[in-house]
């Protein structure tokens, strides 16, 4: 089968600029509703990838996300949320974007076109065959991502990709290809929309499931979360009250002493 970019095809909504606001919103919402079903179709592929990641992370490996533009930003968002949510080290999940950190806020022209910089960025972070590298590219053609994965495979590093086109170049270098086909965008080619939503959903699935399997969740509670603001401290107090059947004052004292919900529970139950 030849490679065709469904993400670049015309959406069929040629007159959307002429519609009333509510109809524009309804049209976008209608298309958005299809994304979860598209993600459901690739759950078996995501499962295999999660198993590989958990195995590597249990052996002191790391997880890398690498992408450009919206795809790169989504990877950085997911990586940056792992330490406060699950209490892991900041270097366990690493997000890299074409153009460097300045590209998080402002596009860096032609950064995604480099065939060498992606691998250089990974090497700068000490990537090794203990790690897993996920390339995120809606088109599946981004040189920064494609050639980074190519170099990873040449160095026996487990690779994966999240793309929204079938049979795209990036899958050639992905041990675990995830092809989530969401179809044309309402605004033709604007992959920050359905494609971006699908990528975000998949990243949520991957990181959350990995952290659950690494023991960073108890029941359905984020007991390893960082207590970095008043809201999270209050949540921690409520967790302790419910888990240990103690009053809020005692829960507050435990949090102040042990600095995390998990540690407080461990020390309280095993004095």
C-alpha atoms as a PDB file:
ATOM      1  CA  UNK A   1       0.000   0.000   0.000  1.00  0.00           C
ATOM      2  CA  UNK A   2       1.408   3.406  -0.978  1.00  0.00           C
ATOM      3  CA  UNK A   3       1.730   6.109   1.664  1.00  0.00           C
ATOM      4  CA  UNK A   4      -1.020   8.720   1.632  1.00  0.00           C
ATOM      5  CA  UNK A   5      -1.391  11.468   4.226  1.00  0.00           C
ATOM      6  CA  UNK A   6      -4.980  11.396   5.406  1.00  0.00           C
ATOM      7  CA  UNK A   7      -4.038  14.230   7.766  1.00  0.00           C
ATOM      8  CA  UNK A   8      -3.523  16.462   4.727  1.00  0.00           C
ATOM      9  CA  UNK A   9      -6.712  15.563   2.892  1.00  0.00           C
ATOM     10  CA  UNK A  10      -9.545  18.028   2.463  1.00  0.00           C
ATOM     11  CA  UNK A  11     -12.085  17.864   5.262  1.00  0.00           C
ATOM     12  CA  UNK A  12     -15.090  18.499   3.081  1.00  0.00           C
ATOM     13  CA  UNK A  13     -16.172  21.481   5.177  1.00  0.00           C
ATOM     14  CA  UNK A  14     -15.434  24.055   2.486  1.00  0.00           C
ATOM     15  CA  UNK A  15     -18.034  26.514   3.767  1.00  0.00           C
ATOM     16  CA  UNK A  16     -17.129  26.409   7.459  1.00  0.00           C
ATOM     17  CA  UNK A  17     -16.014  30.031   7.335  1.00  0.00           C
ATOM     18  CA  UNK A  18     -19.572  30.980   6.355  1.00  0.00           C
ATOM     19  CA  UNK A  19     -21.354  29.093   9.134  1.00  0.00           C
ATOM     20  CA  UNK A  20     -22.815  30.619  12.315  1.00  0.00           C
ATOM     21  CA  UNK A  21     -20.612  30.200  15.391  1.00  0.00           C
ATOM     22  CA  UNK A  22     -22.751  27.458  16.921  1.00  0.00           C
ATOM     23  CA  UNK A  23     -22.534  25.420  13.727  1.00  0.00           C
ATOM     24  CA  UNK A  24     -18.748  25.831  13.598  1.00  0.00           C
ATOM     25  CA  UNK A  25     -18.532  24.636  17.192  1.00  0.00           C
ATOM     26  CA  UNK A  26     -20.902  21.738  16.529  1.00  0.00           C
ATOM     27  CA  UNK A  27     -18.915  20.649  13.481  1.00  0.00           C
ATOM     28  CA  UNK A  28     -15.615  20.613  15.355  1.00  0.00           C
ATOM     29  CA  UNK A  29     -17.228  18.838  18.294  1.00  0.00           C
ATOM     30  CA  UNK A  30     -18.756  16.212  16.002  1.00  0.00           C
ATOM     31  CA  UNK A  31     -15.350  15.414  14.566  1.00  0.00           C
ATOM     32  CA  UNK A  32     -13.726  15.400  18.008  1.00  0.00           C
ATOM     33  CA  UNK A  33     -16.180  12.726  19.160  1.00  0.00           C
ATOM     34  CA  UNK A  34     -14.628  10.280  16.703  1.00  0.00           C
ATOM     35  CA  UNK A  35     -11.148  10.487  18.244  1.00  0.00           C
ATOM     36  CA  UNK A  36     -11.703   8.167  21.211  1.00  0.00           C
ATOM     37  CA  UNK A  37     -12.994   5.441  18.898  1.00  0.00           C
ATOM     38  CA  UNK A  38      -9.875   5.784  16.758  1.00  0.00           C
ATOM     39  CA  UNK A  39      -7.670   5.462  19.835  1.00  0.00           C
ATOM     40  CA  UNK A  40      -9.587   2.374  20.989  1.00  0.00           C
ATOM     41  CA  UNK A  41      -8.552   0.575  17.801  1.00  0.00           C
ATOM     42  CA  UNK A  42      -4.846   0.852  18.696  1.00  0.00           C
ATOM     43  CA  UNK A  43      -5.069  -0.233  22.345  1.00  0.00           C
ATOM     44  CA  UNK A  44      -3.390  -3.602  21.615  1.00  0.00           C
ATOM     45  CA  UNK A  45      -0.383  -1.785  20.128  1.00  0.00           C
ATOM     46  CA  UNK A  46      -0.270   0.578  23.106  1.00  0.00           C
ATOM     47  CA  UNK A  47      -0.379  -2.417  25.467  1.00  0.00           C
ATOM     48  CA  UNK A  48       2.721  -3.941  23.867  1.00  0.00           C
ATOM     49  CA  UNK A  49       4.537  -0.630  24.117  1.00  0.00           C
ATOM     50  CA  UNK A  50       3.597  -0.140  27.775  1.00  0.00           C
ATOM     51  CA  UNK A  51       4.918  -3.609  28.598  1.00  0.00           C
ATOM     52  CA  UNK A  52       8.243  -2.745  26.953  1.00  0.00           C
ATOM     53  CA  UNK A  53       8.470   0.592  28.781  1.00  0.00           C
ATOM     54  CA  UNK A  54       7.684  -0.898  32.187  1.00  0.00           C
ATOM     55  CA  UNK A  55      10.341  -3.567  31.666  1.00  0.00           C
ATOM     56  CA  UNK A  56      12.970  -0.948  30.795  1.00  0.00           C
ATOM     57  CA  UNK A  57      12.049   1.482  33.573  1.00  0.00           C
ATOM     58  CA  UNK A  58      12.207  -1.298  36.160  1.00  0.00           C
ATOM     59  CA  UNK A  59      15.802  -1.796  35.048  1.00  0.00           C
ATOM     60  CA  UNK A  60      16.711   1.883  35.554  1.00  0.00           C
ATOM     61  CA  UNK A  61      15.973   2.909  31.998  1.00  0.00           C
ATOM     62  CA  UNK A  62      14.164   6.083  30.918  1.00  0.00           C
ATOM     63  CA  UNK A  63      11.356   7.088  28.583  1.00  0.00           C
ATOM     64  CA  UNK A  64      11.952   9.726  25.924  1.00  0.00           C
ATOM     65  CA  UNK A  65       9.371  11.582  23.848  1.00  0.00           C
ATOM     66  CA  UNK A  66      10.678  13.382  20.770  1.00  0.00           C
ATOM     67  CA  UNK A  67       8.669  15.501  18.358  1.00  0.00           C
ATOM     68  CA  UNK A  68       8.284  18.834  16.575  1.00  0.00           C
ATOM     69  CA  UNK A  69       5.651  21.543  16.833  1.00  0.00           C
ATOM     70  CA  UNK A  70       2.393  20.466  18.462  1.00  0.00           C
ATOM     71  CA  UNK A  71       3.601  16.872  18.709  1.00  0.00           C
ATOM     72  CA  UNK A  72       6.753  17.924  20.539  1.00  0.00           C
ATOM     73  CA  UNK A  73       4.826  20.183  22.906  1.00  0.00           C
ATOM     74  CA  UNK A  74       2.409  17.390  23.779  1.00  0.00           C
ATOM     75  CA  UNK A  75       5.324  15.126  24.673  1.00  0.00           C
ATOM     76  CA  UNK A  76       6.840  17.809  26.883  1.00  0.00           C
ATOM     77  CA  UNK A  77       3.516  18.379  28.646  1.00  0.00           C
ATOM     78  CA  UNK A  78       3.159  14.684  29.417  1.00  0.00           C
ATOM     79  CA  UNK A  79       6.765  14.329  30.575  1.00  0.00           C
ATOM     80  CA  UNK A  80       6.584  17.423  32.780  1.00  0.00           C
ATOM     81  CA  UNK A  81       3.464  16.180  34.539  1.00  0.00           C
ATOM     82  CA  UNK A  82       4.970  12.846  35.633  1.00  0.00           C
ATOM     83  CA  UNK A  83       7.086  14.159  38.550  1.00  0.00           C
ATOM     84  CA  UNK A  84       4.322  16.161  40.288  1.00  0.00           C
ATOM     85  CA  UNK A  85       1.658  13.527  39.623  1.00  0.00           C
ATOM     86  CA  UNK A  86       3.627  10.385  40.424  1.00  0.00           C
ATOM     87  CA  UNK A  87       6.589  11.647  42.441  1.00  0.00           C
ATOM     88  CA  UNK A  88       9.218  10.305  40.024  1.00  0.00           C
ATOM     89  CA  UNK A  89      12.524  11.980  39.215  1.00  0.00           C
ATOM     90  CA  UNK A  90      12.419  14.678  36.551  1.00  0.00           C
ATOM     91  CA  UNK A  91      14.826  12.704  34.388  1.00  0.00           C
ATOM     92  CA  UNK A  92      12.732   9.533  34.218  1.00  0.00           C
ATOM     93  CA  UNK A  93      10.448  10.802  31.432  1.00  0.00           C
ATOM     94  CA  UNK A  94      12.096  13.297  29.092  1.00  0.00           C
ATOM     95  CA  UNK A  95      10.386  15.397  26.423  1.00  0.00           C
ATOM     96  CA  UNK A  96      12.416  16.797  23.525  1.00  0.00           C
ATOM     97  CA  UNK A  97      11.212  19.229  20.869  1.00  0.00           C
ATOM     98  CA  UNK A  98      12.770  20.338  17.591  1.00  0.00           C
ATOM     99  CA  UNK A  99      14.267  23.785  18.127  1.00  0.00           C
ATOM    100  CA  UNK A 100      14.871  23.279  21.848  1.00  0.00           C
ATOM    101  CA  UNK A 101      13.004  24.746  24.796  1.00  0.00           C
ATOM    102  CA  UNK A 102      12.341  28.053  23.045  1.00  0.00           C
ATOM    103  CA  UNK A 103      10.181  26.141  20.561  1.00  0.00           C
ATOM    104  CA  UNK A 104       7.756  25.273  23.347  1.00  0.00           C
ATOM    105  CA  UNK A 105       6.280  28.767  23.143  1.00  0.00           C
ATOM    106  CA  UNK A 106       7.289  29.965  19.691  1.00  0.00           C
ATOM    107  CA  UNK A 107       7.802  27.994  16.493  1.00  0.00           C
ATOM    108  CA  UNK A 108      11.418  27.686  15.348  1.00  0.00           C
ATOM    109  CA  UNK A 109      11.462  27.772  11.562  1.00  0.00           C
ATOM    110  CA  UNK A 110      12.741  24.654   9.782  1.00  0.00           C
ATOM    111  CA  UNK A 111      13.869  23.008  13.039  1.00  0.00           C
ATOM    112  CA  UNK A 112      11.783  19.942  12.253  1.00  0.00           C
ATOM    113  CA  UNK A 113      13.544  19.513   8.898  1.00  0.00           C
ATOM    114  CA  UNK A 114      16.924  18.588  10.392  1.00  0.00           C
ATOM    115  CA  UNK A 115      17.962  14.997   9.764  1.00  0.00           C
ATOM    116  CA  UNK A 116      20.660  15.068  12.456  1.00  0.00           C
ATOM    117  CA  UNK A 117      19.495  17.263  15.346  1.00  0.00           C
ATOM    118  CA  UNK A 118      17.002  14.794  16.813  1.00  0.00           C
ATOM    119  CA  UNK A 119      19.712  12.213  17.442  1.00  0.00           C
ATOM    120  CA  UNK A 120      22.082  14.917  18.720  1.00  0.00           C
ATOM    121  CA  UNK A 121      19.430  16.020  21.232  1.00  0.00           C
ATOM    122  CA  UNK A 122      18.988  12.463  22.451  1.00  0.00           C
ATOM    123  CA  UNK A 123      22.740  11.930  22.772  1.00  0.00           C
ATOM    124  CA  UNK A 124      23.003  15.172  24.756  1.00  0.00           C
ATOM    125  CA  UNK A 125      20.660  13.559  27.290  1.00  0.00           C
ATOM    126  CA  UNK A 126      22.724  10.390  27.436  1.00  0.00           C
ATOM    127  CA  UNK A 127      20.266   8.111  25.667  1.00  0.00           C
ATOM    128  CA  UNK A 128      21.261   4.438  25.770  1.00  0.00           C
ATOM    129  CA  UNK A 129      19.947   0.969  24.993  1.00  0.00           C
ATOM    130  CA  UNK A 130      18.421   0.908  28.476  1.00  0.00           C
ATOM    131  CA  UNK A 131      15.868   3.489  27.342  1.00  0.00           C
ATOM    132  CA  UNK A 132      12.740   3.658  25.184  1.00  0.00           C
ATOM    133  CA  UNK A 133      12.275   6.475  22.647  1.00  0.00           C
ATOM    134  CA  UNK A 134       8.841   7.416  21.314  1.00  0.00           C
ATOM    135  CA  UNK A 135       8.720   9.595  18.221  1.00  0.00           C
ATOM    136  CA  UNK A 136       5.584  11.714  17.992  1.00  0.00           C
ATOM    137  CA  UNK A 137       4.717  12.899  14.485  1.00  0.00           C
ATOM    138  CA  UNK A 138       1.178  13.328  13.218  1.00  0.00           C
ATOM    139  CA  UNK A 139       2.358  13.271   9.613  1.00  0.00           C
ATOM    140  CA  UNK A 140       4.818  10.455  10.186  1.00  0.00           C
ATOM    141  CA  UNK A 141       7.327  12.236   7.959  1.00  0.00           C
ATOM    142  CA  UNK A 142       9.047  14.769  10.247  1.00  0.00           C
ATOM    143  CA  UNK A 143      12.806  14.398   9.531  1.00  0.00           C
ATOM    144  CA  UNK A 144      13.788  15.439  13.079  1.00  0.00           C
ATOM    145  CA  UNK A 145      11.785  12.494  14.422  1.00  0.00           C
ATOM    146  CA  UNK A 146      12.238   9.924  11.659  1.00  0.00           C
ATOM    147  CA  UNK A 147      16.027  10.082  11.651  1.00  0.00           C
ATOM    148  CA  UNK A 148      16.232  10.212  15.439  1.00  0.00           C
ATOM    149  CA  UNK A 149      14.427   6.858  15.549  1.00  0.00           C
ATOM    150  CA  UNK A 150      16.584   5.522  12.733  1.00  0.00           C
ATOM    151  CA  UNK A 151      19.693   6.243  14.802  1.00  0.00           C
ATOM    152  CA  UNK A 152      18.064   4.755  17.888  1.00  0.00           C
ATOM    153  CA  UNK A 153      17.450   1.475  16.090  1.00  0.00           C
ATOM    154  CA  UNK A 154      21.042   1.466  14.847  1.00  0.00           C
ATOM    155  CA  UNK A 155      22.097   1.693  18.495  1.00  0.00           C
ATOM    156  CA  UNK A 156      19.763  -1.064  19.740  1.00  0.00           C
ATOM    157  CA  UNK A 157      17.406   1.343  21.519  1.00  0.00           C
ATOM    158  CA  UNK A 158      13.733   0.355  21.661  1.00  0.00           C
ATOM    159  CA  UNK A 159      11.669   2.726  19.543  1.00  0.00           C
ATOM    160  CA  UNK A 160       7.998   3.563  19.106  1.00  0.00           C
ATOM    161  CA  UNK A 161       5.993   6.158  17.235  1.00  0.00           C
ATOM    162  CA  UNK A 162       2.631   7.855  17.492  1.00  0.00           C
ATOM    163  CA  UNK A 163       1.431   8.929  14.072  1.00  0.00           C
ATOM    164  CA  UNK A 164      -1.910   9.641  12.411  1.00  0.00           C
ATOM    165  CA  UNK A 165      -1.134   8.287   8.957  1.00  0.00           C
ATOM    166  CA  UNK A 166      -0.840   4.684   7.801  1.00  0.00           C
ATOM    167  CA  UNK A 167       2.436   3.351   6.402  1.00  0.00           C
ATOM    168  CA  UNK A 168       4.315   6.575   7.056  1.00  0.00           C
ATOM    169  CA  UNK A 169       8.155   6.702   7.015  1.00  0.00           C
ATOM    170  CA  UNK A 170       8.447   6.938  10.802  1.00  0.00           C
ATOM    171  CA  UNK A 171       6.921   3.468  11.255  1.00  0.00           C
ATOM    172  CA  UNK A 172       9.891   1.958   9.418  1.00  0.00           C
ATOM    173  CA  UNK A 173      12.055   2.787  12.418  1.00  0.00           C
ATOM    174  CA  UNK A 174       9.534   2.031  15.170  1.00  0.00           C
ATOM    175  CA  UNK A 175       9.618  -1.293  16.985  1.00  0.00           C
ATOM    176  CA  UNK A 176       6.198  -0.367  18.341  1.00  0.00           C
ATOM    177  CA  UNK A 177       4.303   1.688  15.726  1.00  0.00           C
ATOM    178  CA  UNK A 178       1.053   3.254  16.880  1.00  0.00           C
ATOM    179  CA  UNK A 179      -0.966   4.470  13.905  1.00  0.00           C
ATOM    180  CA  UNK A 180      -4.098   6.229  15.113  1.00  0.00           C
ATOM    181  CA  UNK A 181      -6.093   7.212  12.040  1.00  0.00           C
ATOM    182  CA  UNK A 182      -8.390  10.121  12.824  1.00  0.00           C
ATOM    183  CA  UNK A 183      -9.019  11.225   9.234  1.00  0.00           C
ATOM    184  CA  UNK A 184      -8.926  14.725   7.733  1.00  0.00           C
ATOM    185  CA  UNK A 185      -9.102  17.732  10.040  1.00  0.00           C
ATOM    186  CA  UNK A 186     -11.987  20.229   9.997  1.00  0.00           C
ATOM    187  CA  UNK A 187      -9.367  22.795   9.041  1.00  0.00           C
ATOM    188  CA  UNK A 188      -7.539  20.794   6.409  1.00  0.00           C
ATOM    189  CA  UNK A 189      -4.039  19.904   7.585  1.00  0.00           C
ATOM    190  CA  UNK A 190      -4.384  21.457  11.050  1.00  0.00           C
ATOM    191  CA  UNK A 191      -3.124  18.461  13.027  1.00  0.00           C
ATOM    192  CA  UNK A 192      -3.205  20.319  16.334  1.00  0.00           C
ATOM    193  CA  UNK A 193      -6.901  19.382  16.288  1.00  0.00           C
ATOM    194  CA  UNK A 194      -8.032  15.726  16.050  1.00  0.00           C
ATOM    195  CA  UNK A 195      -4.521  14.385  15.554  1.00  0.00           C
ATOM    196  CA  UNK A 196      -3.249  16.371  18.528  1.00  0.00           C
ATOM    197  CA  UNK A 197      -6.161  15.203  20.660  1.00  0.00           C
ATOM    198  CA  UNK A 198      -5.454  11.587  19.738  1.00  0.00           C
ATOM    199  CA  UNK A 199      -1.769  11.973  20.548  1.00  0.00           C
ATOM    200  CA  UNK A 200      -2.571  13.543  23.922  1.00  0.00           C
ATOM    201  CA  UNK A 201      -4.972  10.708  24.748  1.00  0.00           C
ATOM    202  CA  UNK A 202      -2.374   8.092  23.849  1.00  0.00           C
ATOM    203  CA  UNK A 203       0.343   9.817  25.877  1.00  0.00           C
ATOM    204  CA  UNK A 204      -2.038   9.895  28.849  1.00  0.00           C
ATOM    205  CA  UNK A 205      -2.695   6.182  28.396  1.00  0.00           C
ATOM    206  CA  UNK A 206       0.986   5.335  28.175  1.00  0.00           C
ATOM    207  CA  UNK A 207       2.359   7.375  31.069  1.00  0.00           C
ATOM    208  CA  UNK A 208      -0.530   6.713  33.452  1.00  0.00           C
ATOM    209  CA  UNK A 209      -0.537   2.957  32.857  1.00  0.00           C
ATOM    210  CA  UNK A 210       3.252   2.780  33.115  1.00  0.00           C
ATOM    211  CA  UNK A 211       3.191   4.624  36.450  1.00  0.00           C
ATOM    212  CA  UNK A 212       0.408   2.408  37.775  1.00  0.00           C
ATOM    213  CA  UNK A 213       2.448  -0.678  36.897  1.00  0.00           C
ATOM    214  CA  UNK A 214       5.533   0.844  38.529  1.00  0.00           C
ATOM    215  CA  UNK A 215       3.577   1.058  41.780  1.00  0.00           C
ATOM    216  CA  UNK A 216       3.196   4.853  41.798  1.00  0.00           C
ATOM    217  CA  UNK A 217      -0.560   4.638  42.441  1.00  0.00           C
ATOM    218  CA  UNK A 218      -2.453   3.036  45.325  1.00  0.00           C
ATOM    219  CA  UNK A 219      -5.998   2.056  44.445  1.00  0.00           C
ATOM    220  CA  UNK A 220      -6.993   5.023  42.305  1.00  0.00           C
ATOM    221  CA  UNK A 221      -5.086   7.579  44.390  1.00  0.00           C
ATOM    222  CA  UNK A 222      -1.951   9.535  43.471  1.00  0.00           C
ATOM    223  CA  UNK A 223      -0.233   8.761  46.764  1.00  0.00           C
ATOM    224  CA  UNK A 224       3.205   9.708  45.415  1.00  0.00           C
ATOM    225  CA  UNK A 225       2.131  13.156  44.169  1.00  0.00           C
ATOM    226  CA  UNK A 226       4.257  16.145  45.083  1.00  0.00           C
ATOM    227  CA  UNK A 227       2.655  18.399  47.701  1.00  0.00           C
ATOM    228  CA  UNK A 228       3.498  21.561  45.813  1.00  0.00           C
ATOM    229  CA  UNK A 229       0.452  23.732  46.569  1.00  0.00           C
ATOM    230  CA  UNK A 230      -2.417  24.111  49.007  1.00  0.00           C
ATOM    231  CA  UNK A 231      -4.868  22.207  46.802  1.00  0.00           C
ATOM    232  CA  UNK A 232      -2.607  19.164  46.693  1.00  0.00           C
ATOM    233  CA  UNK A 233      -1.918  19.324  50.409  1.00  0.00           C
ATOM    234  CA  UNK A 234      -5.671  19.351  51.062  1.00  0.00           C
ATOM    235  CA  UNK A 235      -6.059  16.387  48.707  1.00  0.00           C
ATOM    236  CA  UNK A 236      -3.299  14.589  50.599  1.00  0.00           C
ATOM    237  CA  UNK A 237      -5.040  15.227  53.907  1.00  0.00           C
ATOM    238  CA  UNK A 238      -8.281  13.793  52.518  1.00  0.00           C
ATOM    239  CA  UNK A 239      -6.437  10.718  51.231  1.00  0.00           C
ATOM    240  CA  UNK A 240      -4.900  10.060  54.627  1.00  0.00           C
ATOM    241  CA  UNK A 241      -8.182  10.594  56.440  1.00  0.00           C
ATOM    242  CA  UNK A 242      -9.889   8.079  54.185  1.00  0.00           C
ATOM    243  CA  UNK A 243      -7.055   5.544  54.081  1.00  0.00           C
ATOM    244  CA  UNK A 244      -6.087   5.598  57.754  1.00  0.00           C
ATOM    245  CA  UNK A 245      -9.401   6.649  59.318  1.00  0.00           C
ATOM    246  CA  UNK A 246      -7.775   9.523  61.183  1.00  0.00           C
ATOM    247  CA  UNK A 247      -8.889  13.147  61.759  1.00  0.00           C
ATOM    248  CA  UNK A 248      -7.652  15.954  59.491  1.00  0.00           C
ATOM    249  CA  UNK A 249      -5.354  17.399  62.156  1.00  0.00           C
ATOM    250  CA  UNK A 250      -3.482  14.103  62.486  1.00  0.00           C
ATOM    251  CA  UNK A 251      -3.304  13.755  58.699  1.00  0.00           C
ATOM    252  CA  UNK A 252      -1.840  17.249  58.435  1.00  0.00           C
ATOM    253  CA  UNK A 253       0.803  16.393  61.037  1.00  0.00           C
ATOM    254  CA  UNK A 254       1.761  13.240  59.146  1.00  0.00           C
ATOM    255  CA  UNK A 255       2.118  15.107  55.862  1.00  0.00           C
ATOM    256  CA  UNK A 256       4.260  17.796  57.444  1.00  0.00           C
ATOM    257  CA  UNK A 257       6.505  15.131  58.931  1.00  0.00           C
ATOM    258  CA  UNK A 258       6.831  12.677  56.050  1.00  0.00           C
ATOM    259  CA  UNK A 259       6.325  15.016  53.063  1.00  0.00           C
ATOM    260  CA  UNK A 260       4.219  12.594  50.994  1.00  0.00           C
ATOM    261  CA  UNK A 261       1.009  10.606  51.286  1.00  0.00           C
ATOM    262  CA  UNK A 262       2.800   7.341  50.529  1.00  0.00           C
ATOM    263  CA  UNK A 263       5.486   7.869  53.167  1.00  0.00           C
ATOM    264  CA  UNK A 264       2.900   8.959  55.726  1.00  0.00           C
ATOM    265  CA  UNK A 265       0.867   5.785  55.165  1.00  0.00           C
ATOM    266  CA  UNK A 266       3.955   3.576  55.332  1.00  0.00           C
ATOM    267  CA  UNK A 267       5.218   5.072  58.581  1.00  0.00           C
ATOM    268  CA  UNK A 268       1.789   5.175  60.195  1.00  0.00           C
ATOM    269  CA  UNK A 269       1.016   1.538  59.371  1.00  0.00           C
ATOM    270  CA  UNK A 270       4.547   0.344  60.158  1.00  0.00           C
ATOM    271  CA  UNK A 271       5.777   2.513  63.053  1.00  0.00           C
END
